[in-house]
Each structure stands twice: as structure tokens, then as C-alpha cells.
C-alpha atoms as a PDB file:
ATOM      1  CA  UNK A   1      78.348  27.963  51.394  1.00  0.00           C
ATOM      2  CA  UNK A   2      81.011  28.994  49.543  1.00  0.00           C
ATOM      3  CA  UNK A   3      80.941  32.191  47.499  1.00  0.00           C
ATOM      4  CA  UNK A   4      83.405  30.671  44.349  1.00  0.00           C
ATOM      5  CA  UNK A   5      83.047  27.460  42.690  1.00  0.00           C
ATOM      6  CA  UNK A   6      86.541  26.013  41.476  1.00  0.00           C
ATOM      7  CA  UNK A   7      85.670  23.338  38.408  1.00  0.00           C
ATOM      8  CA  UNK A   8      88.808  23.810  36.673  1.00  0.00           C
ATOM      9  CA  UNK A   9      92.359  25.240  36.687  1.00  0.00           C
ATOM     10  CA  UNK A  10      93.052  24.143  40.789  1.00  0.00           C
ATOM     11  CA  UNK A  11      96.961  23.196  39.567  1.00  0.00           C
ATOM     12  CA  UNK A  12      97.143  26.792  38.350  1.00  0.00           C
ATOM     13  CA  UNK A  13      95.554  28.220  41.149  1.00  0.00           C
ATOM     14  CA  UNK A  14      97.544  26.129  43.776  1.00  0.00           C
ATOM     15  CA  UNK A  15     100.925  27.059  42.075  1.00  0.00           C
ATOM     16  CA  UNK A  16      99.886  30.705  42.638  1.00  0.00           C
ATOM     17  CA  UNK A  17      99.153  30.341  46.744  1.00  0.00           C
ATOM     18  CA  UNK A  18     102.719  28.892  46.613  1.00  0.00           C
ATOM     19  CA  UNK A  19     103.874  31.582  44.953  1.00  0.00           C
ATOM     20  CA  UNK A  20     102.153  34.240  46.751  1.00  0.00           C
ATOM     21  CA  UNK A  21     103.007  32.631  50.474  1.00  0.00           C
ATOM     22  CA  UNK A  22     106.060  30.204  49.880  1.00  0.00           C
ATOM     23  CA  UNK A  23     105.563  28.576  53.019  1.00  0.00           C
ATOM     24  CA  UNK A  24     103.039  26.343  51.632  1.00  0.00           C
ATOM     25  CA  UNK A  25     103.024  23.802  50.343  1.00  0.00           C
ATOM     26  CA  UNK A  26     101.163  20.815  47.801  1.00  0.00           C
ATOM     27  CA  UNK A  27     100.286  18.796  51.027  1.00  0.00           C
ATOM     28  CA  UNK A  28      99.174  21.840  53.111  1.00  0.00           C
ATOM     29  CA  UNK A  29      96.100  22.971  49.646  1.00  0.00           C
ATOM     30  CA  UNK A  30      94.287  19.700  49.201  1.00  0.00           C
ATOM     31  CA  UNK A  31      91.025  20.315  47.192  1.00  0.00           C
ATOM     32  CA  UNK A  32      88.489  17.854  45.178  1.00  0.00           C
ATOM     33  CA  UNK A  33      85.746  19.358  43.122  1.00  0.00           C
ATOM     34  CA  UNK A  34      82.283  20.375  45.537  1.00  0.00           C
ATOM     35  CA  UNK A  35      84.667  21.176  48.705  1.00  0.00           C
ATOM     36  CA  UNK A  36      85.791  24.831  48.458  1.00  0.00           C
ATOM     37  CA  UNK A  37      84.459  25.267  51.579  1.00  0.00           C
ATOM     38  CA  UNK A  38      86.645  23.687  53.232  1.00  0.00           C
ATOM     39  CA  UNK A  39      89.312  24.959  50.976  1.00  0.00           C
ATOM     40  CA  UNK A  40      88.391  28.583  51.897  1.00  0.00           C
ATOM     41  CA  UNK A  41      88.638  27.153  56.004  1.00  0.00           C
ATOM     42  CA  UNK A  42      92.322  25.676  55.747  1.00  0.00           C
ATOM     43  CA  UNK A  43      93.617  29.162  53.879  1.00  0.00           C
ATOM     44  CA  UNK A  44      92.053  31.452  56.335  1.00  0.00           C
ATOM     45  CA  UNK A  45      93.884  29.547  58.919  1.00  0.00           C
ATOM     46  CA  UNK A  46      97.316  28.855  56.419  1.00  0.00           C
ATOM     47  CA  UNK A  47      97.569  32.699  55.583  1.00  0.00           C
ATOM     48  CA  UNK A  48      95.878  33.775  58.960  1.00  0.00           C
ATOM     49  CA  UNK A  49      93.651  36.244  56.976  1.00  0.00           C
ATOM     50  CA  UNK A  50      89.632  37.081  57.170  1.00  0.00           C
ATOM     51  CA  UNK A  51      87.257  34.799  54.775  1.00  0.00           C
ATOM     52  CA  UNK A  52      86.523  38.202  52.693  1.00  0.00           C
ATOM     53  CA  UNK A  53      90.301  37.996  51.750  1.00  0.00           C
ATOM     54  CA  UNK A  54      90.773  34.358  51.185  1.00  0.00           C
ATOM     55  CA  UNK A  55      87.651  34.631  48.711  1.00  0.00           C
ATOM     56  CA  UNK A  56      88.648  38.081  47.131  1.00  0.00           C
ATOM     57  CA  UNK A  57      92.195  36.262  46.302  1.00  0.00           C
ATOM     58  CA  UNK A  58      90.982  32.789  44.805  1.00  0.00           C
ATOM     59  CA  UNK A  59      88.650  34.465  42.743  1.00  0.00           C
ATOM     60  CA  UNK A  60      91.436  36.864  41.593  1.00  0.00           C
ATOM     61  CA  UNK A  61      93.529  34.239  40.881  1.00  0.00           C
ATOM     62  CA  UNK A  62      90.752  31.639  39.155  1.00  0.00           C
ATOM     63  CA  UNK A  63      90.166  35.268  36.883  1.00  0.00           C
ATOM     64  CA  UNK A  64      93.727  35.721  36.310  1.00  0.00           C
ATOM     65  CA  UNK A  65      94.428  31.986  35.895  1.00  0.00           C
ATOM     66  CA  UNK A  66      96.693  32.024  32.580  1.00  0.00           C
ATOM     67  CA  UNK A  67      98.682  34.771  33.318  1.00  0.00           C
ATOM     68  CA  UNK A  68     102.081  34.747  35.693  1.00  0.00           C
ATOM     69  CA  UNK A  69     100.439  37.576  37.939  1.00  0.00           C
ATOM     70  CA  UNK A  70      99.875  37.294  41.572  1.00  0.00           C
END
């Protein structure tokens, strides 16, 4: 089970991910509510980082959604 729940603001989170990892595209980052586990696994493969880091990054981006800060 995923450690994070993304209920709203996916577009802003996706934008931050694409800013941090410029090689990623919208097509590489599909997401539907309730599919957080698949998103985490997909990001782990795309950015070559472990699960702990990906969950940390998503949590941070969700907390700072209204900020331009990465």
C-alpha cells in the first residue's frame, strides 16, 4: 500500500516533477486517483531512485504545491 495519497493537485505535482527531471514528459507520468502505488513504482524506474526518496519527493511537492520551490 502506498504511503501517500494524492487526492488533488496532480497537475501541479506533475509540473514540479517535470521541472526537477526535465527528461520526463506528461505521457511518462500517467496517474489516476487511487493508483499511487503504480505512480511510485513508475517514478522509481524513471528517476533511478529508491522508494523512500520518491515518497519523500511526492510528499514534499504535495506540501509545497502553491510554491514554485522544488
